[in-house]
Amino acid sequence: MTLLAGRVALVTGASRGIGAAVAIELARRGAHLVLTARTQGGLEETDDAIRATGGTATLLPLDLVKQQDQIDAIGPSLYERFGRLDIVVHAAGAINRLTPVAHIEPGDWNQVLGVTLSAAWRLIRSCDPPLRASDAGRAVFLTDARARTPTAYWGMYGAAKAGLDHLVLSWAAETTGTRLRVNLFAPPPTATKLHALAFPGIPPESLAQPADVAVAVADLCGPGETRTGLTLSGHA
């Protein structure tokens, strides 16, 4: 499949889970991937999987919380190197611990909000110009139903996702009339490390698999996608 041949895609959280699966799926469709995550080893595993499909990738190890100023350089740097940036998928996420709101620790708050919300803001600032310049710029941000359904002990995670939703949908409204398409995607319960941390007793085989979710996310990145400013879920 070469639907995305010649296009450049940036995926955060690409060392494992849905982020890695999305990167592999986009590469399978012909895009060159720029992979970012904290762990070099995880990125290399994703790179190996991409190369096994005949695809190509560039690795960009980056801590989205501790190196936030470097996010600002991503858009200009990729445009300088490749002459384009067509797709951004923000799949990185953090949950840390589930706790009453009154017991949230500052370090946990900074980590969860940093990965989910602050990094998204910086990605938008950095990548907006090249995405608008693309003939089919696409941006997809992973969200969660808890952003719209406050639940006991999920306040920190839910607040981060709610802020993300508002930020992304505001950007989508601002880019209406351009060729850029911006959407949120809420995956079904998926067999990831994040899900296992929150629900350790659920067998992973009973959940959606990252590769299946990746197909729905990758579909939102295609040049034929016309929807924008939506919160999509399930298999889109």
C-alpha atoms as a PDB file:
ATOM      1  CA  MET A   1       0.000   0.000   0.000  1.00  0.00           C
ATOM      2  CA  THR A   2       1.485   3.359  -1.063  1.00  0.00           C
ATOM      3  CA  LEU A   3      -1.348   5.758  -0.224  1.00  0.00           C
ATOM      4  CA  LEU A   4       1.052   7.892   1.837  1.00  0.00           C
ATOM      5  CA  ALA A   5       4.115   7.538  -0.369  1.00  0.00           C
ATOM      6  CA  GLY A   6       6.379  10.586  -0.145  1.00  0.00           C
ATOM      7  CA  ARG A   7       4.726  11.928   2.987  1.00  0.00           C
ATOM      8  CA  VAL A   8       6.456  12.574   6.309  1.00  0.00           C
ATOM      9  CA  ALA A   9       4.704  11.623   9.548  1.00  0.00           C
ATOM     10  CA  LEU A  10       5.662  12.442  13.144  1.00  0.00           C
ATOM     11  CA  VAL A  11       4.380  10.084  15.866  1.00  0.00           C
ATOM     12  CA  THR A  12       4.898  10.659  19.588  1.00  0.00           C
ATOM     13  CA  GLY A  13       4.862   7.778  22.048  1.00  0.00           C
ATOM     14  CA  ALA A  14       6.238   5.623  19.250  1.00  0.00           C
ATOM     15  CA  SER A  15       8.250   3.216  21.399  1.00  0.00           C
ATOM     16  CA  ARG A  16       5.311   0.959  22.326  1.00  0.00           C
ATOM     17  CA  GLY A  17       1.548   0.513  22.418  1.00  0.00           C
ATOM     18  CA  ILE A  18      -0.744   2.447  20.115  1.00  0.00           C
ATOM     19  CA  GLY A  19       1.969   4.942  19.137  1.00  0.00           C
ATOM     20  CA  ALA A  20       4.286   2.211  17.886  1.00  0.00           C
ATOM     21  CA  ALA A  21       1.433   0.449  16.092  1.00  0.00           C
ATOM     22  CA  VAL A  22       0.324   3.675  14.385  1.00  0.00           C
ATOM     23  CA  ALA A  23       3.888   4.350  13.245  1.00  0.00           C
ATOM     24  CA  ILE A  24       4.179   0.873  11.758  1.00  0.00           C
ATOM     25  CA  GLU A  25       0.820   1.199  10.002  1.00  0.00           C
ATOM     26  CA  LEU A  26       1.661   4.616   8.530  1.00  0.00           C
ATOM     27  CA  ALA A  27       4.982   3.249   7.298  1.00  0.00           C
ATOM     28  CA  ARG A  28       3.190   0.284   5.752  1.00  0.00           C
ATOM     29  CA  ARG A  29       1.105   2.802   3.805  1.00  0.00           C
ATOM     30  CA  GLY A  30       4.243   4.450   2.453  1.00  0.00           C
ATOM     31  CA  ALA A  31       5.016   7.376   4.791  1.00  0.00           C
ATOM     32  CA  HIS A  32       8.480   8.112   6.149  1.00  0.00           C
ATOM     33  CA  LEU A  33       8.181   8.096   9.924  1.00  0.00           C
ATOM     34  CA  VAL A  34       9.784  10.366  12.490  1.00  0.00           C
ATOM     35  CA  LEU A  35       9.542   8.474  15.770  1.00  0.00           C
ATOM     36  CA  THR A  36       9.785  10.140  19.145  1.00  0.00           C
ATOM     37  CA  ALA A  37       9.663   8.700  22.676  1.00  0.00           C
ATOM     38  CA  ARG A  38      11.837   8.676  25.778  1.00  0.00           C
ATOM     39  CA  THR A  39      13.448   5.283  25.281  1.00  0.00           C
ATOM     40  CA  GLN A  40      16.008   4.705  22.547  1.00  0.00           C
ATOM     41  CA  GLY A  41      15.598   0.930  22.822  1.00  0.00           C
ATOM     42  CA  GLY A  42      11.848   1.108  22.294  1.00  0.00           C
ATOM     43  CA  LEU A  43      12.267   3.372  19.286  1.00  0.00           C
ATOM     44  CA  GLU A  44      14.776   0.956  17.797  1.00  0.00           C
ATOM     45  CA  GLU A  45      12.285  -1.897  18.174  1.00  0.00           C
ATOM     46  CA  THR A  46       9.656   0.137  16.328  1.00  0.00           C
ATOM     47  CA  ASP A  47      12.237   1.033  13.693  1.00  0.00           C
ATOM     48  CA  ASP A  48      13.023  -2.661  13.211  1.00  0.00           C
ATOM     49  CA  ALA A  49       9.333  -3.430  12.735  1.00  0.00           C
ATOM     50  CA  ILE A  50       9.009  -0.586  10.214  1.00  0.00           C
ATOM     51  CA  ARG A  51      12.023  -1.792   8.248  1.00  0.00           C
ATOM     52  CA  ALA A  52      10.549  -5.298   8.227  1.00  0.00           C
ATOM     53  CA  THR A  53       7.594  -3.862   6.274  1.00  0.00           C
ATOM     54  CA  GLY A  54       9.956  -2.140   3.828  1.00  0.00           C
ATOM     55  CA  GLY A  55       9.428   1.269   5.404  1.00  0.00           C
ATOM     56  CA  THR A  56      11.837   3.916   6.667  1.00  0.00           C
ATOM     57  CA  ALA A  57      12.070   5.913   9.858  1.00  0.00           C
ATOM     58  CA  THR A  58      14.080   8.595  11.626  1.00  0.00           C
ATOM     59  CA  LEU A  59      14.515   8.254  15.393  1.00  0.00           C
ATOM     60  CA  LEU A  60      14.140  11.273  17.664  1.00  0.00           C
ATOM     61  CA  PRO A  61      14.598  10.295  21.345  1.00  0.00           C
ATOM     62  CA  LEU A  62      12.899  12.993  23.397  1.00  0.00           C
ATOM     63  CA  ASP A  63      11.428  13.372  26.870  1.00  0.00           C
ATOM     64  CA  LEU A  64       8.292  15.436  26.270  1.00  0.00           C
ATOM     65  CA  VAL A  65       8.343  16.778  29.833  1.00  0.00           C
ATOM     66  CA  LYS A  66      12.023  17.341  30.590  1.00  0.00           C
ATOM     67  CA  GLN A  67      12.935  18.548  27.079  1.00  0.00           C
ATOM     68  CA  GLN A  68       9.866  20.574  26.176  1.00  0.00           C
ATOM     69  CA  ASP A  69      11.896  23.395  24.672  1.00  0.00           C
ATOM     70  CA  GLN A  70      13.156  20.923  22.064  1.00  0.00           C
ATOM     71  CA  ILE A  71       9.595  20.277  20.901  1.00  0.00           C
ATOM     72  CA  ASP A  72       9.557  23.862  19.631  1.00  0.00           C
ATOM     73  CA  ALA A  73      12.274  22.984  17.129  1.00  0.00           C
ATOM     74  CA  ILE A  74      10.640  19.865  15.702  1.00  0.00           C
ATOM     75  CA  GLY A  75       8.505  21.488  13.010  1.00  0.00           C
ATOM     76  CA  PRO A  76      11.216  23.788  11.623  1.00  0.00           C
ATOM     77  CA  SER A  77      13.856  21.041  11.846  1.00  0.00           C
ATOM     78  CA  LEU A  78      11.773  18.485   9.977  1.00  0.00           C
ATOM     79  CA  TYR A  79      10.840  21.008   7.325  1.00  0.00           C
ATOM     80  CA  GLU A  80      14.500  21.907   6.877  1.00  0.00           C
ATOM     81  CA  ARG A  81      15.512  18.249   6.612  1.00  0.00           C
ATOM     82  CA  PHE A  82      12.655  16.810   4.551  1.00  0.00           C
ATOM     83  CA  GLY A  83      11.069  19.867   2.976  1.00  0.00           C
ATOM     84  CA  ARG A  84       7.687  18.916   4.406  1.00  0.00           C
ATOM     85  CA  LEU A  85       5.658  17.581   7.318  1.00  0.00           C
ATOM     86  CA  ASP A  86       2.303  16.061   6.450  1.00  0.00           C
ATOM     87  CA  ILE A  87       1.098  14.117   9.486  1.00  0.00           C
ATOM     88  CA  VAL A  88       1.313  14.475  13.269  1.00  0.00           C
ATOM     89  CA  VAL A  89      -0.072  11.844  15.642  1.00  0.00           C
ATOM     90  CA  HIS A  90       0.227  12.640  19.355  1.00  0.00           C
ATOM     91  CA  ALA A  91      -0.109   9.206  20.939  1.00  0.00           C
ATOM     92  CA  ALA A  92       2.135   9.759  23.961  1.00  0.00           C
ATOM     93  CA  GLY A  93       0.306   9.546  27.263  1.00  0.00           C
ATOM     94  CA  ALA A  94       0.844   9.153  30.991  1.00  0.00           C
ATOM     95  CA  ILE A  95      -1.387   8.037  33.810  1.00  0.00           C
ATOM     96  CA  ASN A  96       1.013   7.628  36.767  1.00  0.00           C
ATOM     97  CA  ARG A  97      -1.304   6.778  39.662  1.00  0.00           C
ATOM     98  CA  LEU A  98      -5.040   6.945  40.262  1.00  0.00           C
ATOM     99  CA  THR A  99      -5.626   8.999  43.383  1.00  0.00           C
ATOM    100  CA  PRO A 100      -8.128  11.399  44.975  1.00  0.00           C
ATOM    101  CA  VAL A 101      -7.771  14.924  43.641  1.00  0.00           C
ATOM    102  CA  ALA A 102      -6.738  16.184  47.080  1.00  0.00           C
ATOM    103  CA  HIS A 103      -3.844  13.713  47.128  1.00  0.00           C
ATOM    104  CA  ILE A 104      -2.346  14.436  43.697  1.00  0.00           C
ATOM    105  CA  GLU A 105       1.408  14.971  43.964  1.00  0.00           C
ATOM    106  CA  PRO A 106       2.967  17.914  42.068  1.00  0.00           C
ATOM    107  CA  GLY A 107       5.443  15.623  40.308  1.00  0.00           C
ATOM    108  CA  ASP A 108       2.660  13.357  39.024  1.00  0.00           C
ATOM    109  CA  TRP A 109       0.618  16.380  37.935  1.00  0.00           C
ATOM    110  CA  ASN A 110       3.548  17.850  36.021  1.00  0.00           C
ATOM    111  CA  GLN A 111       4.241  14.523  34.300  1.00  0.00           C
ATOM    112  CA  VAL A 112       0.688  13.762  33.223  1.00  0.00           C
ATOM    113  CA  LEU A 113      -0.182  17.321  32.174  1.00  0.00           C
ATOM    114  CA  GLY A 114       3.221  17.735  30.566  1.00  0.00           C
ATOM    115  CA  VAL A 115       2.985  14.676  28.333  1.00  0.00           C
ATOM    116  CA  THR A 116      -0.681  15.045  27.468  1.00  0.00           C
ATOM    117  CA  LEU A 117      -1.401  18.760  27.310  1.00  0.00           C
ATOM    118  CA  SER A 118       1.743  20.910  27.359  1.00  0.00           C
ATOM    119  CA  ALA A 119       3.482  18.739  24.784  1.00  0.00           C
ATOM    120  CA  ALA A 120       0.402  18.950  22.545  1.00  0.00           C
ATOM    121  CA  TRP A 121       0.441  22.747  22.755  1.00  0.00           C
ATOM    122  CA  ARG A 122       4.107  22.867  21.825  1.00  0.00           C
ATOM    123  CA  LEU A 123       3.591  20.397  18.971  1.00  0.00           C
ATOM    124  CA  ILE A 124       0.808  22.571  17.579  1.00  0.00           C
ATOM    125  CA  ARG A 125       2.967  25.710  17.814  1.00  0.00           C
ATOM    126  CA  SER A 126       5.876  23.963  16.176  1.00  0.00           C
ATOM    127  CA  CYS A 127       4.119  21.960  13.493  1.00  0.00           C
ATOM    128  CA  ASP A 128       1.270  24.252  12.439  1.00  0.00           C
ATOM    129  CA  PRO A 129       3.219  26.023   9.634  1.00  0.00           C
ATOM    130  CA  PRO A 130       4.476  22.917   7.785  1.00  0.00           C
ATOM    131  CA  LEU A 131       1.161  21.114   8.257  1.00  0.00           C
ATOM    132  CA  ARG A 132      -0.692  24.046   6.708  1.00  0.00           C
ATOM    133  CA  ALA A 133       1.823  24.084   3.855  1.00  0.00           C
ATOM    134  CA  SER A 134       1.129  20.429   3.050  1.00  0.00           C
ATOM    135  CA  ASP A 135      -1.463  19.670   0.383  1.00  0.00           C
ATOM    136  CA  ALA A 136      -3.054  17.254   2.872  1.00  0.00           C
ATOM    137  CA  GLY A 137      -1.888  18.091   6.393  1.00  0.00           C
ATOM    138  CA  ARG A 138      -3.370  15.801   9.024  1.00  0.00           C
ATOM    139  CA  ALA A 139      -3.166  15.888  12.837  1.00  0.00           C
ATOM    140  CA  VAL A 140      -4.645  13.295  15.199  1.00  0.00           C
ATOM    141  CA  PHE A 141      -4.517  13.489  19.004  1.00  0.00           C
ATOM    142  CA  LEU A 142      -5.448  10.520  21.171  1.00  0.00           C
ATOM    143  CA  THR A 143      -8.012  11.328  23.843  1.00  0.00           C
ATOM    144  CA  ASP A 144     -10.204   9.365  26.265  1.00  0.00           C
ATOM    145  CA  ALA A 145     -13.907   9.252  27.122  1.00  0.00           C
ATOM    146  CA  ARG A 146     -12.991  10.250  30.699  1.00  0.00           C
ATOM    147  CA  ALA A 147     -12.307  13.753  29.413  1.00  0.00           C
ATOM    148  CA  ARG A 148     -16.092  14.127  29.182  1.00  0.00           C
ATOM    149  CA  THR A 149     -17.100  11.892  32.103  1.00  0.00           C
ATOM    150  CA  PRO A 150     -15.518  12.946  35.411  1.00  0.00           C
ATOM    151  CA  THR A 151     -14.840   9.848  37.501  1.00  0.00           C
ATOM    152  CA  ALA A 152     -13.556   9.389  41.032  1.00  0.00           C
ATOM    153  CA  TYR A 153      -9.750   9.004  41.196  1.00  0.00           C
ATOM    154  CA  TRP A 154      -9.337   9.866  37.505  1.00  0.00           C
ATOM    155  CA  GLY A 155      -9.256  13.645  38.032  1.00  0.00           C
ATOM    156  CA  MET A 156      -5.649  14.216  36.996  1.00  0.00           C
ATOM    157  CA  TYR A 157      -5.797  12.083  33.868  1.00  0.00           C
ATOM    158  CA  GLY A 158      -9.273  13.332  32.949  1.00  0.00           C
ATOM    159  CA  ALA A 159      -8.264  16.971  33.408  1.00  0.00           C
ATOM    160  CA  ALA A 160      -5.277  16.476  31.123  1.00  0.00           C
ATOM    161  CA  LYS A 161      -7.410  14.899  28.405  1.00  0.00           C
ATOM    162  CA  ALA A 162     -10.187  17.497  28.802  1.00  0.00           C
ATOM    163  CA  GLY A 163      -7.641  20.272  28.365  1.00  0.00           C
ATOM    164  CA  LEU A 164      -6.217  18.476  25.341  1.00  0.00           C
ATOM    165  CA  ASP A 165      -9.664  18.184  23.778  1.00  0.00           C
ATOM    166  CA  HIS A 166     -10.413  21.886  24.198  1.00  0.00           C
ATOM    167  CA  LEU A 167      -7.007  22.917  22.838  1.00  0.00           C
ATOM    168  CA  VAL A 168      -7.152  20.634  19.796  1.00  0.00           C
ATOM    169  CA  LEU A 169     -10.738  21.419  18.854  1.00  0.00           C
ATOM    170  CA  SER A 170      -9.996  25.146  19.160  1.00  0.00           C
ATOM    171  CA  TRP A 171      -7.095  24.675  16.734  1.00  0.00           C
ATOM    172  CA  ALA A 172      -9.372  22.732  14.407  1.00  0.00           C
ATOM    173  CA  ALA A 173     -11.844  25.621  14.413  1.00  0.00           C
ATOM    174  CA  GLU A 174      -9.029  28.048  13.643  1.00  0.00           C
ATOM    175  CA  THR A 175      -7.905  26.006  10.639  1.00  0.00           C
ATOM    176  CA  THR A 176     -11.336  25.555   9.085  1.00  0.00           C
ATOM    177  CA  GLY A 177     -11.082  26.550   5.445  1.00  0.00           C
ATOM    178  CA  THR A 178      -7.496  25.356   5.124  1.00  0.00           C
ATOM    179  CA  ARG A 179      -6.321  21.993   3.786  1.00  0.00           C
ATOM    180  CA  LEU A 180      -5.376  20.907   7.309  1.00  0.00           C
ATOM    181  CA  ARG A 181      -7.614  18.356   9.043  1.00  0.00           C
ATOM    182  CA  VAL A 182      -7.410  18.114  12.851  1.00  0.00           C
ATOM    183  CA  ASN A 183      -9.251  15.444  14.850  1.00  0.00           C
ATOM    184  CA  LEU A 184      -9.347  13.704  18.222  1.00  0.00           C
ATOM    185  CA  PHE A 185      -9.525   9.929  18.465  1.00  0.00           C
ATOM    186  CA  ALA A 186     -10.641   8.012  21.550  1.00  0.00           C
ATOM    187  CA  PRO A 187      -9.479   4.400  21.294  1.00  0.00           C
ATOM    188  CA  PRO A 188     -11.502   1.571  22.809  1.00  0.00           C
ATOM    189  CA  PRO A 189      -9.961  -0.159  25.846  1.00  0.00           C
ATOM    190  CA  THR A 190      -6.690  -1.404  24.381  1.00  0.00           C
ATOM    191  CA  ALA A 191      -3.997  -3.820  25.507  1.00  0.00           C
ATOM    192  CA  THR A 192      -1.309  -1.275  26.385  1.00  0.00           C
ATOM    193  CA  LYS A 193       0.999  -0.708  29.341  1.00  0.00           C
ATOM    194  CA  LEU A 194      -1.038   2.355  30.332  1.00  0.00           C
ATOM    195  CA  HIS A 195      -4.244   0.309  30.441  1.00  0.00           C
ATOM    196  CA  ALA A 196      -2.520  -2.426  32.440  1.00  0.00           C
ATOM    197  CA  LEU A 197      -1.410   0.124  35.032  1.00  0.00           C
ATOM    198  CA  ALA A 198      -4.967   1.336  35.497  1.00  0.00           C
ATOM    199  CA  PHE A 199      -6.673  -2.063  35.259  1.00  0.00           C
ATOM    200  CA  PRO A 200      -4.124  -4.717  36.226  1.00  0.00           C
ATOM    201  CA  GLY A 201      -6.697  -7.496  36.521  1.00  0.00           C
ATOM    202  CA  ILE A 202      -8.007  -7.388  32.957  1.00  0.00           C
ATOM    203  CA  PRO A 203      -6.492  -9.973  30.599  1.00  0.00           C
ATOM    204  CA  PRO A 204      -4.980  -8.231  27.561  1.00  0.00           C
ATOM    205  CA  GLU A 205      -6.485 -10.745  25.143  1.00  0.00           C
ATOM    206  CA  SER A 206      -9.953  -9.449  26.076  1.00  0.00           C
ATOM    207  CA  LEU A 207      -9.071  -5.935  24.870  1.00  0.00           C
ATOM    208  CA  ALA A 208      -8.614  -4.295  21.483  1.00  0.00           C
ATOM    209  CA  GLN A 209      -5.104  -4.738  20.144  1.00  0.00           C
ATOM    210  CA  PRO A 210      -2.881  -1.747  19.270  1.00  0.00           C
ATOM    211  CA  ALA A 211      -2.493  -2.895  15.648  1.00  0.00           C
ATOM    212  CA  ASP A 212      -6.271  -2.855  15.158  1.00  0.00           C
ATOM    213  CA  VAL A 213      -6.621   0.615  16.666  1.00  0.00           C
ATOM    214  CA  ALA A 214      -3.730   1.814  14.504  1.00  0.00           C
ATOM    215  CA  VAL A 215      -5.699   1.146  11.335  1.00  0.00           C
ATOM    216  CA  ALA A 216      -8.453   3.534  12.424  1.00  0.00           C
ATOM    217  CA  VAL A 217      -5.939   6.241  13.390  1.00  0.00           C
ATOM    218  CA  ALA A 218      -4.000   5.856  10.140  1.00  0.00           C
ATOM    219  CA  ASP A 219      -7.231   6.185   8.159  1.00  0.00           C
ATOM    220  CA  LEU A 220      -7.657   9.670   9.661  1.00  0.00           C
ATOM    221  CA  CYS A 221      -4.220  10.601   8.269  1.00  0.00           C
ATOM    222  CA  GLY A 222      -4.971   9.864   4.629  1.00  0.00           C
ATOM    223  CA  PRO A 223      -5.260  12.549   1.946  1.00  0.00           C
ATOM    224  CA  GLY A 224      -8.870  11.555   1.337  1.00  0.00           C
ATOM    225  CA  GLU A 225      -9.959  12.332   4.913  1.00  0.00           C
ATOM    226  CA  THR A 226     -12.340  15.303   4.877  1.00  0.00           C
ATOM    227  CA  ARG A 227     -13.513  15.395   8.494  1.00  0.00           C
ATOM    228  CA  THR A 228     -12.076  17.936  10.903  1.00  0.00           C
ATOM    229  CA  GLY A 229     -12.818  19.194  14.397  1.00  0.00           C
ATOM    230  CA  LEU A 230     -14.370  15.907  15.498  1.00  0.00           C
ATOM    231  CA  THR A 231     -13.935  13.512  18.398  1.00  0.00           C
ATOM    232  CA  LEU A 232     -14.033  10.047  16.871  1.00  0.00           C
ATOM    233  CA  SER A 233     -13.983   6.766  18.721  1.00  0.00           C
ATOM    234  CA  GLY A 234     -13.832   3.018  18.334  1.00  0.00           C
ATOM    235  CA  HIS A 235     -12.835   2.142  14.811  1.00  0.00           C
ATOM    236  CA  ALA A 236     -13.577   5.633  13.434  1.00  0.00           C
END
